[in-house]
Amino acid sequence: MMRKEILAEWNFNLKLRKLQTKLDMWRARDLTLFGRVMILKSLGLSQLIYLSSILNIPEGFANLVKTKLFKFLWKNKRDKIKRSGLYQDLDKGGLRMIDKEIMFKALKLAWIPRLLSPGRQNWRTVPDYYLHKLGGLNFLLRCNYNPKHLNTLPSFYQSILMYFDELKNAYDFDQVQDLFLFNIYL
């Protein structure tokens, strides 16, 4: 394992311990199911948002988080409601629980508008250097590519493009492209 992977894993393990500590503090309280979901969203997942948006998530970390969240939600007992139902809106019978896998992907995809924003910012020098070797981000978002062939990019940028490719394959490509490239709110 490379040094940067070891440091990233250390960072995530530290956040995981902090998450477990917070959940343990709230576990003893007699909260409703809605209250436990609120705790998970506000105190639990908020611990992971910044780190997940700037670093690649270590292998198996997402599953560890999922296990901890659902153990807290169900008080260390078996699930009583199908997990996919928990992610639904209240009007559809769900609890608006956050799907952490989608959240992790969304945090990476949020980099696309930042990287495409006009102007010269010093922080964009590094991503521009790597992305211009392959034609630039604007070009990559518009063409069909196999994300497995992007091995010249650092893994962080590979994951951004991999998630974008997954998104454009799941939906109509023109809609996804318009969403990212022409959205004035991003």
C-alpha atoms as a PDB file:
ATOM      1  CA  MET A   1       0.000   0.000   0.000  1.00  0.00           C
ATOM      2  CA  MET A   2       1.272   3.455  -0.888  1.00  0.00           C
ATOM      3  CA  ARG A   3       1.847   6.103   1.747  1.00  0.00           C
ATOM      4  CA  LYS A   4      -1.068   8.278   0.596  1.00  0.00           C
ATOM      5  CA  GLU A   5      -3.443   5.283   0.721  1.00  0.00           C
ATOM      6  CA  ILE A   6      -2.289   4.500   4.256  1.00  0.00           C
ATOM      7  CA  LEU A   7      -2.871   8.110   5.310  1.00  0.00           C
ATOM      8  CA  ALA A   8      -6.309   8.184   3.673  1.00  0.00           C
ATOM      9  CA  GLU A   9      -7.250   4.951   5.427  1.00  0.00           C
ATOM     10  CA  TRP A  10      -5.988   6.381   8.724  1.00  0.00           C
ATOM     11  CA  ASN A  11      -8.093   9.528   8.192  1.00  0.00           C
ATOM     12  CA  PHE A  12     -11.203   7.501   7.442  1.00  0.00           C
ATOM     13  CA  ASN A  13     -10.649   5.166  10.402  1.00  0.00           C
ATOM     14  CA  LEU A  14     -10.348   8.199  12.668  1.00  0.00           C
ATOM     15  CA  LYS A  15     -13.667   9.522  11.353  1.00  0.00           C
ATOM     16  CA  LEU A  16     -15.216   6.089  11.765  1.00  0.00           C
ATOM     17  CA  ARG A  17     -14.175   6.004  15.434  1.00  0.00           C
ATOM     18  CA  LYS A  18     -15.627   9.488  15.967  1.00  0.00           C
ATOM     19  CA  LEU A  19     -18.840   8.385  14.268  1.00  0.00           C
ATOM     20  CA  GLN A  20     -19.055   5.328  16.532  1.00  0.00           C
ATOM     21  CA  THR A  21     -18.454   7.475  19.635  1.00  0.00           C
ATOM     22  CA  LYS A  22     -21.266   9.861  18.682  1.00  0.00           C
ATOM     23  CA  LEU A  23     -23.631   7.024  17.906  1.00  0.00           C
ATOM     24  CA  ASP A  24     -22.803   5.331  21.217  1.00  0.00           C
ATOM     25  CA  MET A  25     -23.637   8.539  23.085  1.00  0.00           C
ATOM     26  CA  TRP A  26     -27.071   8.675  21.463  1.00  0.00           C
ATOM     27  CA  ARG A  27     -27.783   4.915  21.549  1.00  0.00           C
ATOM     28  CA  ALA A  28     -28.819   4.956  25.221  1.00  0.00           C
ATOM     29  CA  ARG A  29     -31.531   7.542  24.571  1.00  0.00           C
ATOM     30  CA  ASP A  30     -35.044   6.403  23.831  1.00  0.00           C
ATOM     31  CA  LEU A  31     -35.384   7.977  20.400  1.00  0.00           C
ATOM     32  CA  THR A  32     -38.072   7.270  17.857  1.00  0.00           C
ATOM     33  CA  LEU A  33     -37.111   5.819  14.506  1.00  0.00           C
ATOM     34  CA  PHE A  34     -37.423   9.295  12.979  1.00  0.00           C
ATOM     35  CA  GLY A  35     -35.192  10.667  15.726  1.00  0.00           C
ATOM     36  CA  ARG A  36     -32.506   8.063  15.058  1.00  0.00           C
ATOM     37  CA  VAL A  37     -32.608   8.855  11.328  1.00  0.00           C
ATOM     38  CA  MET A  38     -32.204  12.545  12.169  1.00  0.00           C
ATOM     39  CA  ILE A  39     -29.200  11.780  14.383  1.00  0.00           C
ATOM     40  CA  LEU A  40     -27.646   9.686  11.602  1.00  0.00           C
ATOM     41  CA  LYS A  41     -28.121  12.448   9.062  1.00  0.00           C
ATOM     42  CA  SER A  42     -27.057  15.378  11.191  1.00  0.00           C
ATOM     43  CA  LEU A  43     -24.358  13.972  13.450  1.00  0.00           C
ATOM     44  CA  GLY A  44     -23.372  10.704  11.800  1.00  0.00           C
ATOM     45  CA  LEU A  45     -22.930  11.327   8.108  1.00  0.00           C
ATOM     46  CA  SER A  46     -21.849  14.930   8.581  1.00  0.00           C
ATOM     47  CA  GLN A  47     -18.607  13.552  10.047  1.00  0.00           C
ATOM     48  CA  LEU A  48     -17.788  11.956   6.709  1.00  0.00           C
ATOM     49  CA  ILE A  49     -18.874  14.545   4.148  1.00  0.00           C
ATOM     50  CA  TYR A  50     -15.758  16.704   3.860  1.00  0.00           C
ATOM     51  CA  LEU A  51     -13.295  13.834   3.904  1.00  0.00           C
ATOM     52  CA  SER A  52     -15.356  11.852   1.385  1.00  0.00           C
ATOM     53  CA  SER A  53     -15.487  14.798  -0.985  1.00  0.00           C
ATOM     54  CA  ILE A  54     -11.710  15.299  -1.176  1.00  0.00           C
ATOM     55  CA  LEU A  55     -10.297  11.768  -0.823  1.00  0.00           C
ATOM     56  CA  ASN A  56     -10.984   8.410  -2.385  1.00  0.00           C
ATOM     57  CA  ILE A  57     -12.885   6.183  -0.030  1.00  0.00           C
ATOM     58  CA  PRO A  58     -10.883   3.114   1.049  1.00  0.00           C
ATOM     59  CA  GLU A  59     -12.128  -0.310  -0.001  1.00  0.00           C
ATOM     60  CA  GLY A  60     -14.734  -1.650   2.401  1.00  0.00           C
ATOM     61  CA  PHE A  61     -15.182   1.657   4.225  1.00  0.00           C
ATOM     62  CA  ALA A  62     -18.641   2.300   2.774  1.00  0.00           C
ATOM     63  CA  ASN A  63     -19.846  -1.088   4.000  1.00  0.00           C
ATOM     64  CA  LEU A  64     -18.463  -0.436   7.494  1.00  0.00           C
ATOM     65  CA  VAL A  65     -20.328   2.867   7.622  1.00  0.00           C
ATOM     66  CA  LYS A  66     -23.516   1.223   6.388  1.00  0.00           C
ATOM     67  CA  THR A  67     -23.247  -1.466   9.068  1.00  0.00           C
ATOM     68  CA  LYS A  68     -22.713   1.090  11.849  1.00  0.00           C
ATOM     69  CA  LEU A  69     -25.597   3.261  10.656  1.00  0.00           C
ATOM     70  CA  PHE A  70     -28.086   0.422  10.481  1.00  0.00           C
ATOM     71  CA  LYS A  71     -26.957  -1.086  13.787  1.00  0.00           C
ATOM     72  CA  PHE A  72     -27.676   2.289  15.401  1.00  0.00           C
ATOM     73  CA  LEU A  73     -30.966   2.674  13.569  1.00  0.00           C
ATOM     74  CA  TRP A  74     -32.292  -0.720  14.655  1.00  0.00           C
ATOM     75  CA  LYS A  75     -30.611  -0.809  18.101  1.00  0.00           C
ATOM     76  CA  ASN A  76     -28.307  -3.719  17.142  1.00  0.00           C
ATOM     77  CA  LYS A  77     -31.276  -5.844  16.009  1.00  0.00           C
ATOM     78  CA  ARG A  78     -32.269  -7.140  12.585  1.00  0.00           C
ATOM     79  CA  ASP A  79     -33.704  -4.685  10.066  1.00  0.00           C
ATOM     80  CA  LYS A  80     -37.456  -4.355  10.380  1.00  0.00           C
ATOM     81  CA  ILE A  81     -38.020  -2.460   7.136  1.00  0.00           C
ATOM     82  CA  LYS A  82     -36.447  -3.098   3.770  1.00  0.00           C
ATOM     83  CA  ARG A  83     -33.472  -0.749   3.411  1.00  0.00           C
ATOM     84  CA  SER A  84     -34.505   0.503  -0.004  1.00  0.00           C
ATOM     85  CA  GLY A  85     -37.783   1.629   1.565  1.00  0.00           C
ATOM     86  CA  LEU A  86     -35.993   3.698   4.184  1.00  0.00           C
ATOM     87  CA  TYR A  87     -34.419   5.877   1.502  1.00  0.00           C
ATOM     88  CA  GLN A  88     -37.834   6.935   0.134  1.00  0.00           C
ATOM     89  CA  ASP A  89     -39.616  10.191   0.927  1.00  0.00           C
ATOM     90  CA  LEU A  90     -42.073  10.320   3.808  1.00  0.00           C
ATOM     91  CA  ASP A  91     -45.072  10.489   1.455  1.00  0.00           C
ATOM     92  CA  LYS A  92     -43.946   7.181  -0.090  1.00  0.00           C
ATOM     93  CA  GLY A  93     -43.630   5.478   3.291  1.00  0.00           C
ATOM     94  CA  GLY A  94     -39.897   6.028   3.739  1.00  0.00           C
ATOM     95  CA  LEU A  95     -37.847   7.814   6.363  1.00  0.00           C
ATOM     96  CA  ARG A  96     -35.657   9.897   4.020  1.00  0.00           C
ATOM     97  CA  MET A  97     -32.566   8.032   5.226  1.00  0.00           C
ATOM     98  CA  ILE A  98     -29.492   8.987   3.231  1.00  0.00           C
ATOM     99  CA  ASP A  99     -28.084   6.312   0.950  1.00  0.00           C
ATOM    100  CA  LYS A 100     -24.413   6.744   1.777  1.00  0.00           C
ATOM    101  CA  GLU A 101     -23.243   5.183  -1.506  1.00  0.00           C
ATOM    102  CA  ILE A 102     -25.211   7.740  -3.505  1.00  0.00           C
ATOM    103  CA  MET A 103     -24.003  10.470  -1.158  1.00  0.00           C
ATOM    104  CA  PHE A 104     -20.346   9.490  -1.697  1.00  0.00           C
ATOM    105  CA  LYS A 105     -20.855   9.514  -5.481  1.00  0.00           C
ATOM    106  CA  ALA A 106     -22.679  12.854  -5.376  1.00  0.00           C
ATOM    107  CA  LEU A 107     -19.815  14.402  -3.404  1.00  0.00           C
ATOM    108  CA  LYS A 108     -17.401  13.369  -6.156  1.00  0.00           C
ATOM    109  CA  LEU A 109     -19.744  14.531  -8.945  1.00  0.00           C
ATOM    110  CA  ALA A 110     -20.000  17.932  -7.245  1.00  0.00           C
ATOM    111  CA  TRP A 111     -16.411  18.514  -8.360  1.00  0.00           C
ATOM    112  CA  ILE A 112     -17.459  18.716 -12.026  1.00  0.00           C
ATOM    113  CA  PRO A 113     -19.067  22.196 -11.828  1.00  0.00           C
ATOM    114  CA  ARG A 114     -16.138  23.404  -9.704  1.00  0.00           C
ATOM    115  CA  LEU A 115     -13.649  22.168 -12.266  1.00  0.00           C
ATOM    116  CA  LEU A 116     -15.641  23.702 -15.122  1.00  0.00           C
ATOM    117  CA  SER A 117     -16.191  27.084 -13.486  1.00  0.00           C
ATOM    118  CA  PRO A 118     -14.645  30.002 -15.399  1.00  0.00           C
ATOM    119  CA  GLY A 119     -11.609  31.879 -14.222  1.00  0.00           C
ATOM    120  CA  ARG A 120      -8.109  30.934 -13.192  1.00  0.00           C
ATOM    121  CA  GLN A 121      -7.867  29.578  -9.698  1.00  0.00           C
ATOM    122  CA  ASN A 122      -4.549  28.296  -8.426  1.00  0.00           C
ATOM    123  CA  TRP A 123      -6.061  25.099  -7.042  1.00  0.00           C
ATOM    124  CA  ARG A 124      -7.199  24.073 -10.547  1.00  0.00           C
ATOM    125  CA  THR A 125      -3.641  23.874 -11.868  1.00  0.00           C
ATOM    126  CA  VAL A 126      -3.225  20.233 -10.849  1.00  0.00           C
ATOM    127  CA  PRO A 127      -6.541  18.877 -12.179  1.00  0.00           C
ATOM    128  CA  ASP A 128      -6.160  20.898 -15.382  1.00  0.00           C
ATOM    129  CA  TYR A 129      -2.697  19.434 -15.914  1.00  0.00           C
ATOM    130  CA  TYR A 130      -3.947  15.853 -15.749  1.00  0.00           C
ATOM    131  CA  LEU A 131      -7.269  16.381 -17.521  1.00  0.00           C
ATOM    132  CA  HIS A 132      -5.751  18.319 -20.443  1.00  0.00           C
ATOM    133  CA  LYS A 133      -3.580  15.317 -21.244  1.00  0.00           C
ATOM    134  CA  LEU A 134      -6.816  13.570 -22.247  1.00  0.00           C
ATOM    135  CA  GLY A 135      -8.433  16.556 -23.954  1.00  0.00           C
ATOM    136  CA  GLY A 136      -9.794  18.381 -20.928  1.00  0.00           C
ATOM    137  CA  LEU A 137     -12.771  17.787 -18.690  1.00  0.00           C
ATOM    138  CA  ASN A 138     -15.242  19.440 -21.052  1.00  0.00           C
ATOM    139  CA  PHE A 139     -14.175  17.043 -23.808  1.00  0.00           C
ATOM    140  CA  LEU A 140     -14.254  13.983 -21.553  1.00  0.00           C
ATOM    141  CA  LEU A 141     -17.781  14.771 -20.379  1.00  0.00           C
ATOM    142  CA  ARG A 142     -19.015  14.965 -23.954  1.00  0.00           C
ATOM    143  CA  CYS A 143     -17.458  11.823 -25.371  1.00  0.00           C
ATOM    144  CA  ASN A 144     -17.926   8.137 -24.803  1.00  0.00           C
ATOM    145  CA  TYR A 145     -14.985   6.580 -23.054  1.00  0.00           C
ATOM    146  CA  ASN A 146     -14.253   3.513 -21.061  1.00  0.00           C
ATOM    147  CA  PRO A 147     -13.388   4.685 -17.529  1.00  0.00           C
ATOM    148  CA  LYS A 148     -11.009   1.731 -17.221  1.00  0.00           C
ATOM    149  CA  HIS A 149      -8.759   3.350 -19.828  1.00  0.00           C
ATOM    150  CA  LEU A 150      -8.222   6.511 -17.783  1.00  0.00           C
ATOM    151  CA  ASN A 151      -5.316   5.018 -15.847  1.00  0.00           C
ATOM    152  CA  THR A 152      -3.067   8.010 -16.617  1.00  0.00           C
ATOM    153  CA  LEU A 153      -5.230  10.110 -14.289  1.00  0.00           C
ATOM    154  CA  PRO A 154      -4.886  10.132 -10.498  1.00  0.00           C
ATOM    155  CA  SER A 155      -7.476   7.872  -8.880  1.00  0.00           C
ATOM    156  CA  PHE A 156      -9.484  10.829  -7.535  1.00  0.00           C
ATOM    157  CA  TYR A 157     -10.197  12.150 -11.052  1.00  0.00           C
ATOM    158  CA  GLN A 158     -10.746   8.622 -12.339  1.00  0.00           C
ATOM    159  CA  SER A 159     -13.490   8.156  -9.752  1.00  0.00           C
ATOM    160  CA  ILE A 160     -15.163  11.431 -10.743  1.00  0.00           C
ATOM    161  CA  LEU A 161     -15.247  10.371 -14.395  1.00  0.00           C
ATOM    162  CA  MET A 162     -16.290   6.827 -13.512  1.00  0.00           C
ATOM    163  CA  TYR A 163     -19.285   8.119 -11.528  1.00  0.00           C
ATOM    164  CA  PHE A 164     -20.191  10.521 -14.339  1.00  0.00           C
ATOM    165  CA  ASP A 165     -20.048   7.663 -16.836  1.00  0.00           C
ATOM    166  CA  GLU A 166     -22.270   5.605 -14.543  1.00  0.00           C
ATOM    167  CA  LEU A 167     -24.709   8.516 -14.315  1.00  0.00           C
ATOM    168  CA  LYS A 168     -24.873   9.152 -18.051  1.00  0.00           C
ATOM    169  CA  ASN A 169     -25.390   5.436 -18.734  1.00  0.00           C
ATOM    170  CA  ALA A 170     -28.218   5.253 -16.200  1.00  0.00           C
ATOM    171  CA  TYR A 171     -30.037   8.278 -17.667  1.00  0.00           C
ATOM    172  CA  ASP A 172     -30.382   9.970 -21.007  1.00  0.00           C
ATOM    173  CA  PHE A 173     -26.917  11.321 -21.837  1.00  0.00           C
ATOM    174  CA  ASP A 174     -28.203  14.700 -23.103  1.00  0.00           C
ATOM    175  CA  GLN A 175     -30.065  15.327 -19.848  1.00  0.00           C
ATOM    176  CA  VAL A 176     -27.034  14.522 -17.715  1.00  0.00           C
ATOM    177  CA  GLN A 177     -24.774  16.659 -19.880  1.00  0.00           C
ATOM    178  CA  ASP A 178     -27.186  19.601 -19.713  1.00  0.00           C
ATOM    179  CA  LEU A 179     -27.570  19.164 -15.967  1.00  0.00           C
ATOM    180  CA  PHE A 180     -23.852  19.641 -15.354  1.00  0.00           C
ATOM    181  CA  LEU A 181     -22.767  21.909 -18.170  1.00  0.00           C
ATOM    182  CA  PHE A 182     -25.636  24.405 -18.333  1.00  0.00           C
ATOM    183  CA  ASN A 183     -26.974  24.540 -14.796  1.00  0.00           C
ATOM    184  CA  ILE A 184     -26.740  28.083 -13.457  1.00  0.00           C
ATOM    185  CA  TYR A 185     -27.293  26.876  -9.887  1.00  0.00           C
ATOM    186  CA  LEU A 186     -24.126  24.761  -9.662  1.00  0.00           C
END
